[in-house]
Protein backbone atom coordinates (compact mmCIF):
# COMPACT_ATOMS: atom_id res chain seq x y z
CA MET A 1 0.00 0.00 0.00
CA ILE A 2 1.33 3.44 -0.99
CA TYR A 3 0.22 6.52 0.91
CA PHE A 4 1.32 10.07 1.77
CA ILE A 5 2.32 11.27 5.24
CA ASP A 6 3.46 14.59 6.66
CA LEU A 7 7.25 14.77 6.73
CA GLU A 8 7.19 15.28 10.50
CA ASP A 9 5.61 11.81 10.84
CA LEU A 10 8.38 10.07 8.90
CA LYS A 11 10.14 7.35 10.89
CA VAL A 12 13.18 5.12 10.54
CA GLY A 13 12.12 1.93 8.78
CA MET A 14 9.74 3.54 6.28
CA TYR A 15 10.32 3.02 2.56
CA VAL A 16 9.98 6.38 0.81
CA ILE A 17 9.40 7.45 -2.78
CA LEU A 18 10.78 10.87 -3.69
CA PRO A 19 9.08 12.89 -6.45
CA ARG A 20 12.25 14.55 -7.75
CA SER A 21 15.15 13.55 -9.97
CA TRP A 22 18.53 12.79 -8.38
CA PHE A 23 19.80 16.24 -9.44
CA ARG A 24 17.27 17.82 -7.05
CA HIS A 25 18.12 15.85 -3.91
CA PRO A 26 21.31 14.40 -2.36
CA PHE A 27 20.20 10.76 -2.14
CA LEU A 28 21.52 7.85 -4.18
CA LYS A 29 18.06 6.80 -5.40
CA ASN A 30 14.51 8.14 -5.54
CA ARG A 31 13.16 5.09 -3.71
CA PHE A 32 14.86 3.76 -0.58
CA LEU A 33 14.49 2.61 3.01
CA ILE A 34 14.98 5.20 5.76
CA THR A 35 17.72 3.80 7.98
CA SER A 36 18.75 6.79 10.10
CA GLU A 37 17.51 10.00 11.67
CA GLY A 38 20.11 11.82 9.58
CA GLN A 39 18.25 10.89 6.40
CA ILE A 40 15.06 12.33 7.86
CA GLU A 41 16.88 15.57 8.71
CA THR A 42 18.20 15.76 5.15
CA LEU A 43 14.70 15.28 3.74
CA SER A 44 13.47 18.09 5.98
CA GLY A 45 16.00 20.40 4.37
CA ILE A 46 14.94 19.94 0.73
CA GLY A 47 11.53 21.59 1.01
CA LEU A 48 9.14 18.64 1.14
CA ARG A 49 6.03 18.94 3.31
CA GLU A 50 4.75 15.43 2.74
CA ILE A 51 6.27 12.27 1.39
CA GLU A 52 5.10 9.08 -0.29
CA VAL A 53 5.59 5.83 1.67
CA ASP A 54 5.34 2.23 0.47
CA SER A 55 4.11 0.20 3.44
CA ALA A 56 4.80 -3.13 1.71
CA LYS A 57 8.53 -2.36 1.60
CA SER A 58 8.76 -0.63 4.97
CA GLN A 59 10.36 -2.46 7.90
CA LEU A 60 10.51 -2.33 11.67
CA VAL A 61 13.38 -0.30 13.10
CA GLU A 62 14.87 -3.44 14.69
CA GLU A 63 15.01 -5.11 11.30
CA VAL A 64 16.61 -2.09 9.66
CA GLU A 65 19.33 -1.84 12.29
CA SER A 66 20.20 -5.50 11.87
CA ILE A 67 20.99 -5.08 8.17
CA SER A 68 22.12 -1.49 7.89
CA HIS A 69 25.23 -1.71 10.03
CA PRO A 70 27.38 -4.51 8.63
CA ALA A 71 30.06 -6.22 10.60
CA ILE A 72 33.52 -4.82 10.03
CA LEU A 73 34.78 -6.47 6.88
CA HIS A 74 38.06 -7.91 8.11
CA PRO A 75 38.95 -10.93 5.96
CA PRO A 76 40.16 -13.94 7.95
CA GLN A 77 43.84 -14.09 8.81
CA LYS A 78 44.06 -17.73 7.76
CA TRP A 79 42.30 -19.42 4.91
CA GLU A 80 42.49 -22.58 2.88
CA PRO A 81 42.69 -22.44 -0.94
CA GLU A 82 39.89 -24.98 -1.34
CA LYS A 83 37.64 -22.60 0.61
CA LEU A 84 38.39 -19.58 -1.58
CA ILE A 85 34.70 -19.48 -2.48
CA SER A 86 32.74 -19.30 0.76
CA ASP A 87 29.93 -21.83 1.13
CA ASP A 88 27.80 -18.92 2.37
CA LEU A 89 28.40 -16.98 -0.84
CA ARG A 90 27.51 -19.89 -3.09
CA GLU A 91 24.39 -20.78 -1.14
CA VAL A 92 22.95 -17.34 -0.46
CA VAL A 93 23.14 -16.22 -4.11
CA TYR A 94 20.64 -18.89 -5.14
CA ASP A 95 18.51 -18.94 -1.96
CA THR A 96 15.18 -17.32 -2.83
CA THR A 97 14.06 -17.25 0.81
CA VAL A 98 16.67 -14.68 1.90
CA GLU A 99 15.46 -11.06 1.98
CA PRO A 100 17.14 -8.84 -0.66
CA GLN A 101 18.87 -6.52 1.80
CA GLU A 102 20.26 -9.37 3.87
CA LYS A 103 21.36 -11.20 0.73
CA ALA A 104 23.10 -8.08 -0.59
CA GLN A 105 24.97 -7.72 2.70
CA VAL A 106 26.20 -11.32 2.72
CA VAL A 107 27.20 -11.29 -0.96
CA TYR A 108 29.08 -8.00 -0.62
CA HIS A 109 30.87 -9.15 2.54
CA HIS A 110 32.06 -12.40 0.99
CA SER A 111 32.96 -10.76 -2.31
CA ILE A 112 35.43 -8.54 -0.48
CA GLN A 113 36.91 -11.55 1.29
CA LEU A 114 37.15 -13.38 -2.02
CA MET A 115 38.97 -10.51 -3.72
CA GLN A 116 41.49 -10.07 -0.93
CA LYS A 117 42.30 -13.77 -1.03
CA VAL A 118 42.95 -13.53 -4.76
CA TRP A 119 44.99 -10.38 -4.15
CA ASP A 120 47.08 -12.02 -1.44
CA SER A 121 47.91 -15.04 -3.59
CA PRO A 122 47.19 -14.55 -7.32
CA THR A 123 48.05 -18.09 -8.36
CA ARG A 124 46.50 -19.77 -11.39
CA GLU A 125 44.23 -21.87 -9.14
CA ASN A 126 43.17 -18.95 -6.95
CA ILE A 127 42.33 -16.76 -9.92
CA LYS A 128 40.36 -19.67 -11.42
CA ASP A 129 38.38 -20.07 -8.19
CA GLY A 130 38.04 -16.31 -7.87
CA LYS A 131 36.42 -16.17 -11.31
CA LYS A 132 33.99 -18.90 -10.23
CA GLY A 133 33.01 -16.80 -7.21
CA ILE A 134 32.62 -13.72 -9.40
CA SER A 135 30.31 -15.75 -11.67
CA HIS A 136 27.99 -16.35 -8.70
CA VAL A 137 27.84 -12.61 -8.02
CA VAL A 138 27.20 -11.88 -11.71
CA ASP A 139 24.32 -14.39 -11.67
CA LEU A 140 22.82 -12.55 -8.72
CA ILE A 141 23.05 -9.15 -10.42
CA LEU A 142 21.62 -10.48 -13.69
CA HIS A 143 18.65 -12.29 -12.17
CA ASP A 144 17.78 -10.43 -8.97
CA ASP A 145 17.11 -6.73 -9.58
CA GLU A 146 16.05 -5.93 -6.04
CA THR A 147 19.08 -7.46 -4.34
CA SER A 148 21.55 -5.96 -6.79
CA LEU A 149 20.03 -2.51 -6.21
CA CYS A 150 20.39 -3.02 -2.47
CA MET A 151 24.12 -3.55 -3.01
CA LEU A 152 24.40 0.04 -4.26
CA ASN A 153 23.45 1.26 -0.79
CA ILE A 154 25.97 -0.77 1.18
CA VAL A 155 29.21 -0.36 -0.77
CA SER A 156 32.08 0.54 1.49
CA HIS A 157 33.86 3.80 0.77
CA ASP A 158 37.33 2.97 1.96
CA PHE A 159 39.88 2.63 -0.81
CA TYR A 160 41.49 -0.71 -0.13
CA THR A 161 42.26 -2.00 -3.59
CA TYR A 162 40.22 -5.16 -3.11
CA THR A 163 37.19 -3.17 -1.86
CA HIS A 164 37.50 -0.86 -4.86
CA SER A 165 37.66 -3.93 -7.11
CA VAL A 166 34.36 -5.25 -5.74
CA ASN A 167 32.66 -1.86 -6.03
CA VAL A 168 33.79 -1.37 -9.62
CA GLY A 169 32.85 -4.95 -10.43
CA VAL A 170 29.31 -4.58 -9.09
CA LEU A 171 28.73 -1.19 -10.72
CA SER A 172 30.15 -2.30 -14.07
CA VAL A 173 28.08 -5.49 -14.21
CA MET A 174 24.94 -3.53 -13.35
CA LEU A 175 25.67 -1.03 -16.13
CA SER A 176 26.43 -3.86 -18.56
CA LYS A 177 23.14 -5.50 -17.67
CA GLU A 178 21.27 -2.35 -18.68
CA LEU A 179 23.28 -1.72 -21.84
CA PHE A 180 23.16 -5.31 -23.10
CA ARG A 181 19.63 -6.17 -22.01
CA GLY A 182 17.89 -8.33 -24.61
CA THR A 183 21.03 -9.59 -26.34
CA ASP A 184 23.17 -12.70 -25.95
CA ASP A 185 26.18 -11.22 -27.72
CA HIS A 186 28.23 -10.68 -24.55
CA ASP A 187 29.68 -13.12 -22.01
CA LEU A 188 28.68 -11.39 -18.78
CA HIS A 189 30.56 -13.90 -16.63
CA GLU A 190 33.84 -13.18 -18.41
CA LEU A 191 33.05 -9.46 -18.35
CA GLY A 192 32.46 -9.70 -14.61
CA ALA A 193 35.88 -11.30 -14.19
CA GLY A 194 37.46 -8.42 -16.09
CA PHE A 195 35.64 -5.78 -14.07
CA PHE A 196 36.46 -7.34 -10.69
CA LEU A 197 40.11 -7.96 -11.68
CA HIS A 198 40.66 -4.68 -13.57
CA ASP A 199 43.26 -3.38 -11.07
CA LEU A 200 45.10 -6.65 -10.44
CA GLY A 201 48.28 -5.11 -11.87
CA LYS A 202 48.57 -2.88 -8.81
CA LEU A 203 49.97 -5.95 -7.08
CA LYS A 204 53.21 -5.13 -8.89
CA ILE A 205 53.25 -1.45 -7.87
CA ASP A 206 55.10 -0.20 -4.79
CA PRO A 207 52.47 0.15 -2.01
CA ASN A 208 54.09 3.44 -0.99
CA ILE A 209 53.06 4.84 -4.37
CA ILE A 210 49.54 3.39 -4.27
CA ASN A 211 48.96 4.70 -0.74
CA LYS A 212 50.82 7.99 -1.03
CA PRO A 213 48.82 10.71 0.81
CA GLY A 214 49.04 13.30 -1.93
CA ARG A 215 49.66 13.92 -5.61
CA LEU A 216 52.11 11.60 -7.36
CA ASP A 217 55.20 13.11 -8.97
CA ASN A 218 56.01 12.40 -12.63
CA ARG A 219 58.11 9.32 -11.90
CA GLU A 220 55.46 7.87 -9.59
CA GLN A 221 52.72 8.57 -12.14
CA GLU A 222 54.69 6.70 -14.78
CA ILE A 223 55.04 3.71 -12.46
CA MET A 224 51.34 3.80 -11.51
CA ARG A 225 50.31 3.97 -15.15
CA SER A 226 52.09 0.69 -15.78
CA HIS A 227 49.49 -1.26 -13.78
CA PRO A 228 47.29 -2.16 -16.81
CA TYR A 229 50.31 -3.86 -18.42
CA GLN A 230 51.26 -5.49 -15.11
CA GLY A 231 47.72 -6.88 -14.77
CA PHE A 232 47.92 -8.20 -18.33
CA LYS A 233 51.16 -10.01 -17.46
CA VAL A 234 49.74 -11.59 -14.27
CA LEU A 235 46.67 -12.92 -16.06
CA ARG A 236 48.64 -14.07 -19.09
CA GLU A 237 51.09 -15.96 -16.89
CA THR A 238 48.22 -17.65 -15.01
CA ASP A 239 46.38 -18.47 -18.26
CA HIS A 240 43.27 -16.43 -17.47
CA LEU A 241 43.51 -13.74 -20.14
CA SER A 242 40.31 -13.87 -22.20
CA ASP A 243 39.61 -11.17 -24.80
CA GLU A 244 37.10 -9.52 -22.44
CA VAL A 245 39.50 -9.42 -19.50
CA LYS A 246 42.38 -8.18 -21.65
CA THR A 247 40.26 -5.35 -23.09
CA ILE A 248 39.03 -4.18 -19.70
CA ILE A 249 42.45 -4.28 -18.04
CA PHE A 250 44.10 -2.31 -20.84
CA GLN A 251 41.33 0.24 -21.43
CA HIS A 252 39.73 1.11 -18.06
CA HIS A 253 41.85 4.28 -17.83
CA GLU A 254 41.31 5.42 -21.42
CA ARG A 255 39.18 8.57 -21.78
CA GLU A 256 36.72 9.54 -24.48
CA ASP A 257 38.62 12.77 -25.23
CA GLY A 258 41.97 10.99 -25.63
CA THR A 259 43.50 12.11 -22.33
CA GLY A 260 43.69 8.65 -20.76
CA TYR A 261 46.35 5.95 -20.68
CA PRO A 262 48.19 3.75 -21.56
CA ARG A 263 47.51 4.33 -25.30
CA ARG A 264 45.59 7.65 -25.27
CA LEU A 265 42.74 6.05 -27.22
CA LYS A 266 39.92 8.34 -28.25
CA GLY A 267 36.21 7.96 -28.99
CA ASP A 268 35.31 4.75 -30.80
CA GLU A 269 38.89 3.51 -30.47
CA ILE A 270 37.83 2.58 -26.93
CA HIS A 271 35.85 -0.66 -26.64
CA VAL A 272 32.45 -0.57 -24.95
CA TYR A 273 33.86 -2.75 -22.14
CA GLY A 274 36.62 -0.26 -21.41
CA ARG A 275 34.11 2.60 -21.45
CA ILE A 276 31.90 0.82 -18.92
CA CYS A 277 34.73 0.13 -16.49
CA CYS A 278 36.03 3.69 -16.85
CA ILE A 279 32.73 5.17 -15.62
CA ALA A 280 32.46 2.82 -12.65
CA ASP A 281 36.15 3.26 -11.75
CA VAL A 282 35.94 7.06 -11.65
CA PHE A 283 32.68 7.05 -9.71
CA ASP A 284 34.07 4.76 -7.01
CA ALA A 285 37.31 6.76 -6.77
CA LEU A 286 35.33 9.98 -6.23
CA THR A 287 33.15 8.46 -3.51
CA ALA A 288 36.08 6.81 -1.67
CA GLU A 289 37.54 8.07 1.59
CA ARG A 290 41.25 8.80 1.20
CA SER A 291 43.78 10.18 3.66
CA TYR A 292 44.29 13.27 1.49
CA LYS A 293 40.74 14.01 0.34
CA ARG A 294 37.20 13.86 1.61
CA LYS A 295 34.84 11.41 0.01
CA LEU A 296 31.99 12.73 -2.11
CA SER A 297 28.39 11.61 -1.82
CA PRO A 298 27.07 9.67 -4.83
CA PHE A 299 25.06 12.76 -5.80
CA GLN A 300 28.16 14.98 -5.65
CA ALA A 301 30.23 12.47 -7.62
CA LEU A 302 27.64 12.14 -10.39
CA LYS A 303 27.28 15.91 -10.55
CA ILE A 304 31.04 16.41 -10.95
CA MET A 305 31.21 13.66 -13.56
CA LYS A 306 28.41 15.37 -15.50
CA GLU A 307 29.56 18.96 -15.19
CA GLU A 308 33.36 18.72 -15.09
CA MET A 309 34.36 15.33 -16.50
CA LEU A 310 31.79 14.39 -19.12
CA GLY A 311 34.42 14.56 -21.85
CA HIS A 312 36.02 11.52 -20.24
CA PHE A 313 33.01 9.27 -20.76
CA HIS A 314 30.70 8.04 -23.49
CA GLU A 315 27.75 10.38 -22.90
CA ASP A 316 24.92 7.91 -23.52
CA MET A 317 26.56 5.29 -21.31
CA PHE A 318 26.97 7.85 -18.56
CA LYS A 319 23.26 8.71 -18.77
CA THR A 320 22.42 5.02 -18.40
CA PHE A 321 24.77 4.81 -15.41
CA VAL A 322 22.96 7.72 -13.74
CA LEU A 323 19.64 5.90 -14.17
CA LEU A 324 20.93 3.05 -11.99
CA PHE A 325 20.54 5.38 -9.01
CA ASN A 326 16.96 6.52 -9.71
């Protein structure tokens, strides 16, 4: 049941429907669950007197608190290669009895653990198992719209490389799903592998450069810009370099206006897969918390991408990306 209430009667646990586009309010989506008093205060500041509520999707406060504050995502200190793919991850993806928000939380949590395990030991077998785990996540995004949308609300905004890899992977697969809907011309599982592993070459970069709290000098930039080639080498040596993965790794830093790297490709020289990953990569970098910069809200990041960086992206693809958050 959908009904209107006065804004002053809004409570944590209500599922709201905003009447405005994302450019007119600071929230990630137009429809979402209220999980904090801070969200209510923000709504009070955008000029609404009443708000639409969907009672069927609303939840008790106790339920909201149990899913809105995830456990700290510390991967285990010890792990066994045969358990690279968590039993919980495999089972929850295909369990239709799990609520979307709870499922999104579990899948995101275990995806981060999966990626750090691959990062810690990028052997042929671990990358093979990592790609199997990524395939489960891709299946979820392709076949469960509600759960995949919930994942947009719980992405972590630290900038550990493995967390960034999961965020970019999820965002890129969701964008690919929209762009390639209705066609079987693309291998979404192999694309997912490329998106999740796009930064694997950073394994070969000095951590002091990756984590430097400030702007890189020219020498450091040159080293950092070698990571697409380093990722190519890792995946070639482990025999996991499909055409999709190779394209994504080499092109995720190319820009539509020719200002990217490593080859300064321009316009249609950039493959659609590289264009997709580029958009997701920049968005996650802008919304990440770093020691030398404040993180931006999704609204702020999208606004900057539209107003200051649009020349970097394929315009129609960027518009489709924006629609993911409405």
